Each structure stands twice: as structure tokens, then as C-alpha cells.
Amino acid sequence: MVRGPLEQNGSSETIKMRELLGLKQLGFEDPEFPDRVYMVEKALYGLHQAPRAWYETLSTYLLDNGFKRGQIDKTLFTKRVKGLHVQQKDDGIFICQDIYVNEILNKFGFSDVKTANTPMETHKTLLRDEKGEDVDEHLYRSMIGTLMYLTSSRPDIMFIVCACARFQVNPKNSHLHVVKRIFRYLKGQPKLGLWYPKDSPFDLVAYTNNDYTGASLDRKSITGGC
């Protein structure tokens, strides 16, 4: 916050005039008053009230966007996101996000679309496509964000979602086309999830594979695992 142009009138306010003039060298200059500088009337940094001011601003924003303040720890803000369904059965536990899938399908207009059998096309590489048609970045990022949350129970879309997430800056129509296919796949497979049998041994089975010069963007070697 600043007030009027400060003139050299011999008052105590001109003591720091030499320091303030340094701002002119950085480009802080009023074109209407090139011979004058501005004096800061109230600065936030360096004051004892600064942390409280930042906290009030942040807390107000969080509370307005659905977060709840902690009862014991007032600096803890939480927000519950519905959609994770845990079914405890006699023979095991099934974790699914079918409710969330229906919500995002309705949100982005994929409730009545033709379904896809796979989340991605085979033998088709994602490229930067610098000459491609630009699409709305906010829409693209919003779609990627919803899909990233879904990957907690859907490892079948993990690879392609992460691949599409690399193009959130200046996405092209070709990238959006791939993202739309993921939604069409979810339309056909909304109830897939994680199944933990009750009596099965806890044995970890892993699979890895190397693809030398397999990265489509920089031709580096990549490693995949499951």
C-alpha cells in the first residue's frame, strides 16, 4: 500500500530517500512524476502480524471451498471427497470408486457415449504435437486431475493417465482425444476395483520390463513395472 508521491521537503520522511531512489533503477517509476518516488505506508513482510494476516487469508479461502477446520489443531484443514466405496464381505474386501466414476462421467458429459474396450489405443505413441490444434488448458487439467484421483483404485488406467499428464502445459487436440478415450473406457468398466481375498496368502507378485530408447519424447530408455 502506497500513498502520494513523496517530495523532497526536508521532513524526516526523506531520510530514506536514497534507498527509495534505488527502486527507480529497478523500473518502479511513475510516468506522470518521473522526479518522485513512492513511500510504502504499510508493508506486510517483516511485521509481527504478517503470519496472522497470511493465515486469515488462507483459512478464509479454504473454508469457502469446503474445507473443515480441525477441532484440536486449528491449523489443520480437511476436506472429505466422496466416491471411495469399501465393501467388507465374508470372503474379502473390495475397494471401488464406481460412484466417483459416475460423477466425473456426468461432469464432463460422457454419460451417453460409445464405450471403449481399452483405456488407450495400441501401437499409437503420444507426442508433443507442436503443430496440433490447441485446446482449453483448464478443461484438460481438470480432466487429468479427476483421473489422477481415480488411479488409487484403478491401476488399469495408471499408465495412460500419467502419460497424458505430461502434456498439461499447452495441450493439443490429439492429447484431449486420448483423454476422452479413457473416459469412454470408464463408461464401459465403471465398477472395476481392488479385491483383497480373505484367505489368500500375502505374497507380492511383481513384473518389470525394460524398453531401450522407448520414450517417445526424448528416446531414453524406460522401465515399466506392475
Protein backbone atom coordinates (compact mmCIF):
# COMPACT_ATOMS: atom_id res chain seq x y z
CA MET A 1 0.00 0.00 0.00
CA VAL A 2 1.42 3.34 -1.01
CA ARG A 3 0.46 6.96 -0.72
CA GLY A 4 1.10 10.14 -2.72
CA PRO A 5 4.39 11.00 -4.45
CA LEU A 6 6.95 11.95 -1.82
CA GLU A 7 8.69 15.26 -2.49
CA GLN A 8 11.97 16.37 -1.05
CA ASN A 9 10.60 18.79 1.54
CA GLY A 10 13.23 18.33 4.22
CA SER A 11 10.98 16.31 6.53
CA SER A 12 12.07 13.19 8.38
CA GLU A 13 10.45 11.10 5.68
CA THR A 14 13.26 11.99 3.29
CA ILE A 15 15.88 10.20 5.38
CA LYS A 16 15.44 7.03 3.35
CA MET A 17 15.15 8.90 0.08
CA ARG A 18 18.43 7.50 -1.19
CA GLU A 19 17.21 3.93 -0.57
CA LEU A 20 13.87 4.63 -2.20
CA LEU A 21 15.56 6.08 -5.25
CA GLY A 22 17.06 2.66 -5.80
CA LEU A 23 13.58 1.49 -6.79
CA LYS A 24 13.72 3.73 -9.83
CA GLN A 25 16.69 1.76 -11.09
CA LEU A 26 14.54 -1.39 -10.92
CA GLY A 27 11.79 0.14 -13.03
CA PHE A 28 9.46 1.32 -10.24
CA GLU A 29 8.71 4.73 -11.70
CA ASP A 30 5.56 6.80 -12.10
CA PRO A 31 5.49 8.15 -15.68
CA GLU A 32 3.50 11.19 -14.53
CA PHE A 33 6.01 12.04 -11.79
CA PRO A 34 9.45 10.89 -13.00
CA ASP A 35 11.24 13.02 -10.38
CA ARG A 36 9.44 11.48 -7.41
CA VAL A 37 9.27 8.13 -5.65
CA TYR A 38 6.65 6.40 -3.54
CA MET A 39 6.94 5.68 0.14
CA VAL A 40 5.47 2.43 1.49
CA GLU A 41 2.77 3.20 4.02
CA LYS A 42 2.16 -0.38 5.16
CA ALA A 43 4.34 -3.39 4.45
CA LEU A 44 3.31 -6.93 5.27
CA TYR A 45 6.72 -8.59 5.30
CA GLY A 46 8.77 -8.10 8.43
CA LEU A 47 5.80 -7.26 10.66
CA HIS A 48 4.81 -9.34 13.66
CA GLN A 49 1.27 -9.51 12.28
CA ALA A 50 2.36 -10.96 8.93
CA PRO A 51 1.87 -14.67 9.82
CA ARG A 52 -1.59 -13.95 11.20
CA ALA A 53 -2.57 -11.98 8.11
CA TRP A 54 -1.47 -14.79 5.81
CA TYR A 55 -3.24 -17.38 7.97
CA GLU A 56 -6.50 -15.44 7.92
CA THR A 57 -6.36 -15.12 4.15
CA LEU A 58 -5.56 -18.80 3.63
CA SER A 59 -8.10 -20.07 6.18
CA THR A 60 -10.85 -17.94 4.66
CA TYR A 61 -10.13 -19.36 1.23
CA LEU A 62 -10.09 -22.97 2.49
CA LEU A 63 -13.31 -22.60 4.47
CA ASP A 64 -15.06 -21.04 1.49
CA ASN A 65 -14.05 -24.02 -0.65
CA GLY A 66 -15.44 -26.80 1.53
CA PHE A 67 -12.58 -27.47 3.95
CA LYS A 68 -13.22 -28.01 7.66
CA ARG A 69 -11.03 -26.58 10.41
CA GLY A 70 -9.67 -29.08 12.95
CA GLN A 71 -11.22 -29.04 16.43
CA ILE A 72 -7.92 -29.65 18.23
CA ASP A 73 -5.35 -28.43 15.72
CA LYS A 74 -6.76 -25.19 14.30
CA THR A 75 -4.12 -25.16 11.56
CA LEU A 76 -5.35 -28.49 10.17
CA PHE A 77 -7.89 -28.25 7.36
CA THR A 78 -9.52 -31.35 5.86
CA LYS A 79 -11.95 -31.97 3.04
CA ARG A 80 -13.83 -35.20 2.50
CA VAL A 81 -14.18 -36.39 -1.07
CA LYS A 82 -16.99 -38.88 -1.60
CA GLY A 83 -16.62 -41.76 -4.06
CA LEU A 84 -14.37 -44.39 -2.44
CA HIS A 85 -16.54 -47.41 -1.68
CA VAL A 86 -15.17 -50.13 0.63
CA GLN A 87 -17.18 -53.36 0.78
CA GLN A 88 -16.29 -55.76 3.59
CA LYS A 89 -17.51 -59.22 2.64
CA ASP A 90 -17.13 -62.63 4.24
CA ASP A 91 -14.51 -63.71 1.72
CA GLY A 92 -12.58 -60.46 1.41
CA ILE A 93 -12.57 -56.70 0.90
CA PHE A 94 -13.43 -54.92 -2.33
CA ILE A 95 -12.45 -51.28 -2.92
CA CYS A 96 -14.19 -49.48 -5.74
CA GLN A 97 -14.88 -45.92 -6.90
CA ASP A 98 -17.89 -46.55 -9.12
CA ILE A 99 -19.83 -43.66 -7.54
CA TYR A 100 -16.97 -41.29 -8.33
CA VAL A 101 -16.75 -42.66 -11.88
CA ASN A 102 -20.40 -41.84 -12.49
CA GLU A 103 -19.88 -38.35 -11.07
CA ILE A 104 -16.99 -37.47 -13.38
CA LEU A 105 -18.75 -39.00 -16.38
CA ASN A 106 -21.70 -36.68 -15.73
CA LYS A 107 -19.40 -33.73 -15.04
CA PHE A 108 -17.62 -33.91 -18.38
CA GLY A 109 -20.56 -35.12 -20.48
CA PHE A 110 -19.60 -38.76 -21.02
CA SER A 111 -22.75 -40.38 -19.62
CA ASP A 112 -24.14 -41.27 -23.05
CA VAL A 113 -21.13 -42.06 -25.21
CA LYS A 114 -19.84 -45.06 -27.09
CA THR A 115 -17.65 -47.17 -24.82
CA ALA A 116 -14.05 -48.24 -25.47
CA ASN A 117 -12.66 -51.69 -24.71
CA THR A 118 -9.23 -50.41 -23.65
CA PRO A 119 -8.09 -47.20 -21.95
CA MET A 120 -5.64 -46.45 -24.76
CA GLU A 121 -5.03 -47.32 -28.36
CA THR A 122 -2.31 -49.88 -29.01
CA HIS A 123 0.75 -49.00 -31.11
CA LYS A 124 -0.04 -45.27 -31.02
CA THR A 125 2.54 -43.04 -29.36
CA LEU A 126 1.78 -39.80 -27.56
CA LEU A 127 3.88 -36.94 -28.95
CA ARG A 128 4.11 -33.22 -28.25
CA ASP A 129 2.28 -32.46 -31.48
CA GLU A 130 3.52 -28.86 -31.53
CA LYS A 131 1.63 -28.09 -34.75
CA GLY A 132 -1.62 -29.54 -33.45
CA GLU A 133 -4.76 -27.61 -32.54
CA ASP A 134 -4.72 -26.04 -29.07
CA VAL A 135 -7.40 -26.95 -26.52
CA ASP A 136 -8.60 -25.40 -23.28
CA GLU A 137 -5.84 -25.92 -20.70
CA HIS A 138 -8.22 -25.55 -17.76
CA LEU A 139 -10.54 -28.25 -19.10
CA TYR A 140 -7.64 -30.57 -19.86
CA ARG A 141 -6.09 -30.14 -16.42
CA SER A 142 -9.42 -30.62 -14.71
CA MET A 143 -9.97 -33.91 -16.54
CA ILE A 144 -6.45 -35.09 -15.69
CA GLY A 145 -6.93 -34.15 -12.03
CA THR A 146 -10.11 -36.19 -11.68
CA LEU A 147 -8.46 -39.18 -13.34
CA MET A 148 -5.39 -38.98 -11.10
CA TYR A 149 -7.61 -39.32 -8.02
CA LEU A 150 -9.25 -42.37 -9.60
CA THR A 151 -5.95 -44.19 -10.08
CA SER A 152 -5.84 -45.00 -6.34
CA SER A 153 -8.18 -47.92 -7.05
CA ARG A 154 -7.80 -48.25 -10.83
CA PRO A 155 -4.26 -49.34 -11.76
CA ASP A 156 -5.60 -50.21 -15.22
CA ILE A 157 -5.60 -46.53 -16.17
CA MET A 158 -2.45 -45.51 -14.28
CA PHE A 159 -0.04 -45.65 -17.23
CA ILE A 160 -2.10 -43.71 -19.76
CA VAL A 161 -3.24 -41.09 -17.23
CA CYS A 162 0.36 -40.37 -16.24
CA ALA A 163 1.33 -40.22 -19.91
CA CYS A 164 -1.40 -37.66 -20.64
CA ALA A 165 -0.46 -35.66 -17.54
CA ARG A 166 2.85 -34.74 -19.19
CA PHE A 167 1.02 -32.50 -21.66
CA GLN A 168 -0.90 -30.29 -19.23
CA VAL A 169 1.04 -27.27 -20.49
CA ASN A 170 -0.23 -26.30 -23.94
CA PRO A 171 -2.23 -29.50 -24.59
CA LYS A 172 -3.29 -30.30 -28.12
CA ASN A 173 -6.42 -31.81 -29.59
CA SER A 174 -4.62 -35.12 -30.07
CA HIS A 175 -3.93 -35.30 -26.33
CA LEU A 176 -7.53 -34.45 -25.47
CA HIS A 177 -8.66 -37.22 -27.82
CA VAL A 178 -6.66 -39.74 -25.78
CA VAL A 179 -8.09 -38.43 -22.50
CA LYS A 180 -11.61 -38.75 -23.89
CA ARG A 181 -10.91 -42.38 -24.71
CA ILE A 182 -10.07 -43.00 -21.04
CA PHE A 183 -13.48 -41.66 -20.08
CA ARG A 184 -15.16 -43.84 -22.71
CA TYR A 185 -13.31 -46.82 -21.25
CA LEU A 186 -14.53 -45.91 -17.76
CA LYS A 187 -18.07 -45.70 -19.12
CA GLY A 188 -17.84 -49.35 -20.11
CA GLN A 189 -15.97 -50.50 -16.97
CA PRO A 190 -17.22 -48.35 -14.06
CA LYS A 191 -17.17 -51.00 -11.32
CA LEU A 192 -13.62 -52.34 -11.57
CA GLY A 193 -11.63 -52.08 -8.36
CA LEU A 194 -9.21 -53.77 -5.97
CA TRP A 195 -10.09 -57.15 -4.49
CA TYR A 196 -8.35 -58.48 -1.36
CA PRO A 197 -9.34 -62.11 -0.69
CA LYS A 198 -9.58 -63.07 2.97
CA ASP A 199 -7.80 -66.44 2.89
CA SER A 200 -5.18 -65.71 0.23
CA PRO A 201 -1.52 -65.56 1.32
CA PHE A 202 0.10 -62.15 1.31
CA ASP A 203 2.54 -62.85 -1.50
CA LEU A 204 3.81 -59.96 -3.59
CA VAL A 205 3.99 -60.77 -7.29
CA ALA A 206 5.81 -58.23 -9.44
CA TYR A 207 6.55 -57.77 -13.12
CA THR A 208 9.12 -55.49 -14.73
CA ASN A 209 10.15 -54.78 -18.26
CA ASN A 210 12.79 -52.60 -19.95
CA ASP A 211 12.31 -50.77 -23.22
CA TYR A 212 15.54 -49.29 -24.55
CA THR A 213 15.05 -45.95 -26.34
CA GLY A 214 11.35 -46.45 -25.76
CA ALA A 215 10.49 -42.92 -24.61
CA SER A 216 8.70 -41.22 -27.49
CA LEU A 217 9.70 -37.67 -26.49
CA ASP A 218 13.43 -37.98 -25.84
CA ARG A 219 14.23 -41.56 -26.92
CA LYS A 220 15.51 -42.50 -23.49
CA SER A 221 15.26 -45.99 -22.05
CA ILE A 222 12.23 -46.62 -19.85
CA THR A 223 11.32 -49.21 -17.27
CA GLY A 224 7.81 -50.45 -16.58
CA GLY A 225 6.57 -52.37 -13.58
CA CYS A 226 3.45 -53.82 -12.05
